Amino acid sequence: MRSTRGWAAVVVMAVAALSAGCAGSTSGPSAPGTMSAPATAGATPAGLPSGITELGPAVPVAAQGWTLAVAPFKEAGASSGEVPADWAVLRTTATFTNTSDRITLLPDTALTVRYGPLGRQAVPVKDQTLSGLPAHDAATKVAPGASYTAEIGVAVPPQGLGQRVTVTAEATQEGMAEADDLFFEGTLPGSATSSSGSPEPTGTTPASPGPLLPFGAWSPAGLRISPITLGPDKDGKRTATADLTVTNGDPRPRPGLGVTLRVMTGAGLTDAATVTPSLDYPDAPIAPSRSATVTVRFTLPSSAVPGPVTVEALDHGDRITFSGTLS
């Protein structure tokens, strides 16, 4: 079950990822242009993987007594909240309906919005009109048959417009120890502009055979590490960032990333950093047949640049090795 869910922490993490240094990067081929899409088991009539509902209709929370409907996203215009420059602000509503015959507390709910084939997280936005969900200790009461609607705001970069959006709702009902995972999916309004950059890689086909994968390639199990971006030299060290993408090929939700990265430099594979990244909270679920991406931050010695770098990913017992060159 989740441990922390602070909206502010999510905003800080997402904005920090946006402002990562760009003084240098690892070399390595991009993911293949033609790749097979992740497997989708038991597709619904709407063409979605089993366990994911299209935006709009209400669905029951698993323990019953409530339904939840997440509306399609609309453009929200300007916001007084903290929004990265040039990003679009979008809004949706989350409507909880008490289907029981008694007054009940609103489920304690965490909402996560991911967009695009890699499942990048949208930045939550809260202001006077986009109030978001109530705090977990608000003890909001809802009468039998009545509904509670929350205005949810998020910001996405220009290249996120028009892309697939997946909303994860982890709802814990009154008296229940475990949360129920609900997934909703649709398309964001608008369309990406021609200046938004090249399309992001999709699918799970590895870029090349062999035990070493170049950065940007996919492992057979659907794990990808982007080329490493370097910050400026400071006191003999350089900050480094890379995107880690994990694909959930299981028909059930995947609880968190569950991946540890070991970064090594040079031909001698000198240990430089060990990182265990997490989503907005450590065990946030990944939807079935969908991906989630986080930006990983670490530090490398300046003496390792230029030179080879190797990253070993430990994924639930599997060891996957990526390599490239720092420049």
Protein backbone atom coordinates (compact mmCIF):
# COMPACT_ATOMS: atom_id res chain seq x y z
CA MET A 1 0.00 0.00 0.00
CA ARG A 2 1.21 3.50 -0.70
CA SER A 3 3.32 5.37 1.84
CA THR A 4 3.52 9.02 0.66
CA ARG A 5 1.51 10.89 -1.90
CA GLY A 6 2.45 14.58 -1.59
CA TRP A 7 1.45 16.61 -4.65
CA ALA A 8 4.22 19.10 -3.93
CA ALA A 9 6.88 16.40 -4.07
CA VAL A 10 5.57 15.24 -7.44
CA VAL A 11 5.71 18.77 -8.84
CA VAL A 12 9.28 19.30 -7.63
CA MET A 13 10.40 15.98 -9.11
CA ALA A 14 8.76 16.59 -12.46
CA VAL A 15 10.04 20.15 -12.81
CA ALA A 16 13.53 19.01 -11.81
CA ALA A 17 13.45 16.40 -14.55
CA LEU A 18 12.51 19.10 -17.05
CA SER A 19 15.47 21.28 -16.07
CA ALA A 20 18.12 18.52 -16.15
CA GLY A 21 21.55 19.59 -17.43
CA CYS A 22 22.34 19.12 -21.10
CA ALA A 23 26.07 19.73 -21.44
CA GLY A 24 26.76 16.23 -22.75
CA SER A 25 25.27 12.80 -23.33
CA THR A 26 26.05 9.19 -23.94
CA SER A 27 26.19 8.04 -27.49
CA GLY A 28 24.01 5.16 -28.60
CA PRO A 29 21.44 4.39 -31.25
CA SER A 30 17.83 5.29 -30.75
CA ALA A 31 15.28 2.57 -30.28
CA PRO A 32 14.32 0.90 -33.56
CA GLY A 33 11.90 2.75 -35.80
CA THR A 34 9.70 -0.32 -36.27
CA MET A 35 8.92 -2.08 -33.02
CA SER A 36 6.22 -4.42 -31.82
CA ALA A 37 3.77 -2.97 -29.31
CA PRO A 38 3.61 -4.47 -25.80
CA ALA A 39 1.29 -7.44 -25.56
CA THR A 40 -2.27 -6.70 -24.47
CA ALA A 41 -4.05 -9.60 -22.83
CA GLY A 42 -7.82 -9.84 -22.76
CA ALA A 43 -8.65 -6.59 -24.56
CA THR A 44 -11.95 -4.93 -23.68
CA PRO A 45 -14.58 -4.09 -26.33
CA ALA A 46 -13.17 -0.54 -26.42
CA GLY A 47 -9.84 -2.00 -27.51
CA LEU A 48 -8.19 -1.35 -24.16
CA PRO A 49 -6.25 -3.94 -22.16
CA SER A 50 -8.25 -5.83 -19.56
CA GLY A 51 -8.41 -3.81 -16.36
CA ILE A 52 -8.38 -0.38 -18.07
CA THR A 53 -11.60 1.60 -18.62
CA GLU A 54 -12.09 4.41 -21.11
CA LEU A 55 -12.44 7.91 -19.68
CA GLY A 56 -16.04 8.89 -18.98
CA PRO A 57 -18.05 5.90 -17.67
CA ALA A 58 -18.33 5.20 -13.95
CA VAL A 59 -16.86 1.96 -12.65
CA PRO A 60 -17.29 0.34 -9.23
CA VAL A 61 -14.49 0.46 -6.73
CA ALA A 62 -13.55 -3.17 -6.13
CA ALA A 63 -14.80 -3.40 -2.55
CA GLN A 64 -18.17 -1.94 -3.72
CA GLY A 65 -20.13 0.88 -2.12
CA TRP A 66 -18.61 3.45 -4.50
CA THR A 67 -18.24 4.17 -8.17
CA LEU A 68 -15.65 6.43 -9.76
CA ALA A 69 -15.82 8.24 -13.10
CA VAL A 70 -12.91 10.20 -14.60
CA ALA A 71 -13.96 12.59 -17.36
CA PRO A 72 -12.04 13.15 -20.62
CA PHE A 73 -9.45 15.91 -20.36
CA LYS A 74 -10.10 19.46 -21.57
CA GLU A 75 -7.88 22.49 -21.97
CA ALA A 76 -7.90 24.60 -18.81
CA GLY A 77 -6.18 27.78 -19.99
CA ALA A 78 -3.78 29.66 -17.73
CA SER A 79 -3.25 28.61 -14.12
CA SER A 80 -1.97 30.40 -11.05
CA GLY A 81 -0.29 27.18 -9.96
CA GLU A 82 3.33 26.23 -10.58
CA VAL A 83 3.55 25.23 -14.25
CA PRO A 84 6.71 24.80 -16.37
CA ALA A 85 7.08 27.36 -19.16
CA ASP A 86 5.23 26.55 -22.41
CA TRP A 87 3.43 23.55 -20.92
CA ALA A 88 -0.31 23.12 -21.47
CA VAL A 89 -2.68 23.04 -18.49
CA LEU A 90 -5.45 20.44 -18.77
CA ARG A 91 -8.34 19.57 -16.50
CA THR A 92 -10.57 16.63 -15.71
CA THR A 93 -13.04 15.68 -13.01
CA ALA A 94 -13.07 12.69 -10.72
CA THR A 95 -16.62 11.91 -9.54
CA PHE A 96 -17.18 9.53 -6.63
CA THR A 97 -20.73 8.29 -6.06
CA ASN A 98 -21.80 6.65 -2.81
CA THR A 99 -23.86 3.64 -3.86
CA SER A 100 -24.34 2.33 -0.33
CA ASP A 101 -27.32 2.95 1.96
CA ARG A 102 -25.38 4.90 4.60
CA ILE A 103 -23.25 8.01 5.02
CA THR A 104 -19.69 7.04 4.15
CA LEU A 105 -16.30 8.70 4.14
CA LEU A 106 -14.86 9.49 0.72
CA PRO A 107 -12.20 6.91 -0.21
CA ASP A 108 -8.64 8.09 0.43
CA THR A 109 -7.47 8.34 -3.18
CA ALA A 110 -4.22 9.05 -5.03
CA LEU A 111 -4.47 10.00 -8.70
CA THR A 112 -1.57 9.73 -11.14
CA VAL A 113 -1.71 10.92 -14.76
CA ARG A 114 0.77 9.49 -17.30
CA TYR A 115 0.90 10.39 -20.97
CA GLY A 116 2.51 9.06 -24.13
CA PRO A 117 3.88 5.61 -24.99
CA LEU A 118 6.55 5.80 -22.28
CA GLY A 119 4.13 6.76 -19.52
CA ARG A 120 5.72 10.04 -18.48
CA GLN A 121 4.04 11.65 -15.50
CA ALA A 122 2.09 14.87 -15.95
CA VAL A 123 2.76 17.65 -13.44
CA PRO A 124 -0.16 18.06 -11.00
CA VAL A 125 -1.60 21.58 -10.91
CA LYS A 126 -3.59 23.01 -8.02
CA ASP A 127 -5.08 26.50 -7.81
CA GLN A 128 -8.34 28.21 -6.85
CA THR A 129 -10.37 26.33 -9.49
CA LEU A 130 -8.34 23.11 -9.78
CA SER A 131 -8.54 22.14 -6.12
CA GLY A 132 -7.68 18.47 -6.57
CA LEU A 133 -8.73 15.69 -4.23
CA PRO A 134 -9.15 16.39 -0.51
CA ALA A 135 -6.30 15.54 1.83
CA HIS A 136 -6.27 12.02 3.24
CA ASP A 137 -7.19 13.32 6.70
CA ALA A 138 -10.07 15.54 5.52
CA ALA A 139 -12.70 12.91 6.43
CA THR A 140 -15.11 14.04 3.70
CA LYS A 141 -18.59 12.58 4.24
CA VAL A 142 -20.93 11.68 1.38
CA ALA A 143 -24.64 10.87 1.80
CA PRO A 144 -26.22 7.72 0.31
CA GLY A 145 -26.75 8.15 -3.42
CA ALA A 146 -24.85 11.46 -3.46
CA SER A 147 -21.68 12.28 -5.37
CA TYR A 148 -18.47 14.18 -4.73
CA THR A 149 -16.65 15.75 -7.70
CA ALA A 150 -13.02 16.91 -7.61
CA GLU A 151 -11.49 19.22 -10.21
CA ILE A 152 -8.12 17.77 -11.24
CA GLY A 153 -5.50 19.78 -13.11
CA VAL A 154 -2.28 18.65 -14.77
CA ALA A 155 0.34 20.19 -17.04
CA VAL A 156 2.03 18.45 -19.97
CA PRO A 157 4.71 19.59 -22.43
CA PRO A 158 3.65 20.50 -25.98
CA GLN A 159 4.70 17.08 -27.32
CA GLY A 160 2.29 15.44 -24.86
CA LEU A 161 -0.81 16.94 -26.50
CA GLY A 162 -2.90 14.51 -28.50
CA GLN A 163 -1.18 11.51 -26.93
CA ARG A 164 -2.62 8.63 -24.96
CA VAL A 165 -3.30 9.42 -21.31
CA THR A 166 -3.62 6.84 -18.53
CA VAL A 167 -5.08 7.81 -15.16
CA THR A 168 -4.34 5.62 -12.15
CA ALA A 169 -6.61 5.90 -9.11
CA GLU A 170 -5.54 4.08 -5.98
CA ALA A 171 -8.54 4.26 -3.63
CA THR A 172 -8.65 3.04 -0.04
CA GLN A 173 -12.17 2.81 1.35
CA GLU A 174 -13.15 3.39 4.95
CA GLY A 175 -12.33 0.33 7.04
CA MET A 176 -10.23 -1.31 4.32
CA ALA A 177 -6.51 -1.98 4.78
CA GLU A 178 -5.66 -2.38 1.10
CA ALA A 179 -6.21 0.02 -1.77
CA ASP A 180 -8.16 -0.73 -4.94
CA ASP A 181 -6.40 0.09 -8.21
CA LEU A 182 -8.49 1.61 -11.01
CA PHE A 183 -7.17 2.59 -14.45
CA PHE A 184 -8.76 4.93 -16.99
CA GLU A 185 -7.54 5.82 -20.45
CA GLY A 186 -8.22 8.21 -23.30
CA THR A 187 -6.51 10.83 -25.45
CA LEU A 188 -5.35 14.29 -24.44
CA PRO A 189 -6.82 17.21 -26.38
CA GLY A 190 -4.83 19.04 -29.02
CA SER A 191 -1.98 17.75 -31.13
CA ALA A 192 1.78 17.88 -30.87
CA THR A 193 3.43 20.53 -33.03
CA SER A 194 6.11 19.76 -35.60
CA SER A 195 8.64 21.44 -33.32
CA SER A 196 7.86 19.11 -30.44
CA GLY A 197 10.69 16.72 -31.30
CA SER A 198 10.82 13.23 -32.76
CA PRO A 199 8.31 10.60 -31.64
CA GLU A 200 9.21 8.62 -28.57
CA PRO A 201 10.14 4.96 -28.97
CA THR A 202 7.46 2.38 -28.27
CA GLY A 203 7.24 -1.36 -27.94
CA THR A 204 9.55 -3.88 -26.32
CA THR A 205 11.71 -5.25 -29.14
CA PRO A 206 15.44 -4.96 -28.30
CA ALA A 207 17.47 -2.75 -30.62
CA SER A 208 20.18 -5.35 -31.13
CA PRO A 209 20.92 -8.92 -30.07
CA GLY A 210 23.58 -9.83 -27.55
CA PRO A 211 24.18 -9.47 -23.80
CA LEU A 212 24.91 -5.71 -23.97
CA LEU A 213 22.15 -3.30 -24.97
CA PRO A 214 22.90 0.24 -26.12
CA PHE A 215 21.22 3.06 -24.23
CA GLY A 216 17.82 3.73 -25.76
CA ALA A 217 17.21 0.07 -26.63
CA TRP A 218 14.55 -2.12 -25.07
CA SER A 219 15.24 -5.31 -23.18
CA PRO A 220 13.07 -8.32 -24.08
CA ALA A 221 11.11 -7.83 -20.85
CA GLY A 222 10.34 -4.19 -21.66
CA LEU A 223 12.94 -2.20 -19.73
CA ARG A 224 14.71 0.80 -21.27
CA ILE A 225 17.37 3.28 -20.13
CA SER A 226 17.78 6.43 -22.21
CA PRO A 227 21.17 7.90 -23.11
CA ILE A 228 22.75 9.72 -20.16
CA THR A 229 22.70 13.52 -20.08
CA LEU A 230 25.54 15.28 -18.24
CA GLY A 231 25.60 18.56 -16.36
CA PRO A 232 28.59 20.93 -16.09
CA ASP A 233 31.80 20.07 -14.27
CA LYS A 234 31.73 21.20 -10.63
CA ASP A 235 34.39 20.28 -8.08
CA GLY A 236 35.48 17.27 -10.10
CA LYS A 237 31.96 15.87 -10.43
CA ARG A 238 29.19 16.00 -13.00
CA THR A 239 25.50 15.51 -12.43
CA ALA A 240 23.90 12.92 -14.67
CA THR A 241 20.31 12.10 -15.59
CA ALA A 242 18.71 9.26 -17.52
CA ASP A 243 15.14 8.12 -18.07
CA LEU A 244 14.23 4.65 -16.83
CA THR A 245 11.15 3.11 -18.46
CA VAL A 246 9.50 -0.05 -17.15
CA THR A 247 6.75 -1.84 -19.10
CA ASN A 248 4.21 -3.93 -17.23
CA GLY A 249 3.59 -6.95 -19.44
CA ASP A 250 1.36 -8.59 -16.85
CA PRO A 251 -2.45 -8.43 -17.01
CA ARG A 252 -2.39 -7.30 -13.37
CA PRO A 253 -1.10 -3.98 -11.98
CA ARG A 254 2.61 -3.87 -11.23
CA PRO A 255 3.31 -2.41 -7.76
CA GLY A 256 6.09 0.10 -8.37
CA LEU A 257 9.21 -0.07 -10.51
CA GLY A 258 11.19 -2.64 -8.51
CA VAL A 259 14.43 -1.81 -10.35
CA THR A 260 17.88 -0.98 -8.98
CA LEU A 261 20.52 0.59 -11.23
CA ARG A 262 24.26 0.12 -10.76
CA VAL A 263 26.34 2.66 -12.71
CA MET A 264 29.96 1.83 -13.62
CA THR A 265 32.53 3.85 -15.54
CA GLY A 266 35.59 2.99 -17.62
CA ALA A 267 36.81 -0.29 -19.05
CA GLY A 268 37.47 -1.50 -15.50
CA LEU A 269 33.80 -1.07 -14.52
CA THR A 270 34.50 1.21 -11.57
CA ASP A 271 31.44 1.61 -9.35
CA ALA A 272 30.15 5.19 -9.57
CA ALA A 273 26.57 5.11 -8.27
CA THR A 274 23.73 2.84 -7.18
CA VAL A 275 20.19 4.15 -7.54
CA THR A 276 16.80 2.66 -6.67
CA PRO A 277 14.30 4.98 -8.39
CA SER A 278 10.62 5.10 -7.53
CA LEU A 279 7.43 6.60 -8.90
CA ASP A 280 5.58 9.46 -7.19
CA TYR A 281 5.22 7.13 -4.21
CA PRO A 282 7.26 3.90 -3.89
CA ASP A 283 4.61 1.28 -4.69
CA ALA A 284 2.47 3.30 -7.10
CA PRO A 285 0.96 0.79 -9.53
CA ILE A 286 1.72 0.59 -13.25
CA ALA A 287 -1.31 -0.23 -15.38
CA PRO A 288 -1.49 -3.58 -17.21
CA SER A 289 0.27 -3.55 -20.60
CA ARG A 290 1.42 0.02 -20.01
CA SER A 291 4.74 1.73 -19.20
CA ALA A 292 5.97 4.20 -16.60
CA THR A 293 9.01 6.45 -16.91
CA VAL A 294 11.01 8.23 -14.21
CA THR A 295 14.07 10.45 -14.48
CA VAL A 296 17.01 9.06 -12.51
CA ARG A 297 19.63 11.45 -11.11
CA PHE A 298 23.14 10.57 -9.96
CA THR A 299 26.72 11.90 -9.92
CA LEU A 300 29.74 10.80 -11.96
CA PRO A 301 33.41 11.77 -11.61
CA SER A 302 34.50 14.30 -14.22
CA SER A 303 37.53 12.11 -14.93
CA ALA A 304 35.18 9.51 -16.45
CA VAL A 305 34.30 11.88 -19.30
CA PRO A 306 34.91 11.08 -22.09
CA GLY A 307 34.80 7.33 -21.69
CA PRO A 308 32.63 4.23 -21.54
CA VAL A 309 29.80 3.84 -19.05
CA THR A 310 27.86 0.71 -18.13
CA VAL A 311 24.56 0.46 -16.28
CA GLU A 312 23.36 -2.83 -14.84
CA ALA A 313 19.64 -2.95 -14.09
CA LEU A 314 18.46 -5.46 -11.49
CA ASP A 315 14.79 -6.13 -12.23
CA HIS A 316 13.17 -8.67 -9.91
CA GLY A 317 16.21 -10.94 -10.08
CA ASP A 318 16.98 -10.37 -13.76
CA ARG A 319 20.19 -8.52 -14.64
CA ILE A 320 20.11 -6.40 -17.80
CA THR A 321 23.21 -4.52 -18.94
CA PHE A 322 23.27 -1.29 -20.96
CA SER A 323 26.37 0.45 -22.25
CA GLY A 324 27.41 3.62 -24.06
CA THR A 325 30.00 6.39 -24.11
CA LEU A 326 30.11 9.55 -22.05
CA SER A 327 31.04 12.59 -24.09
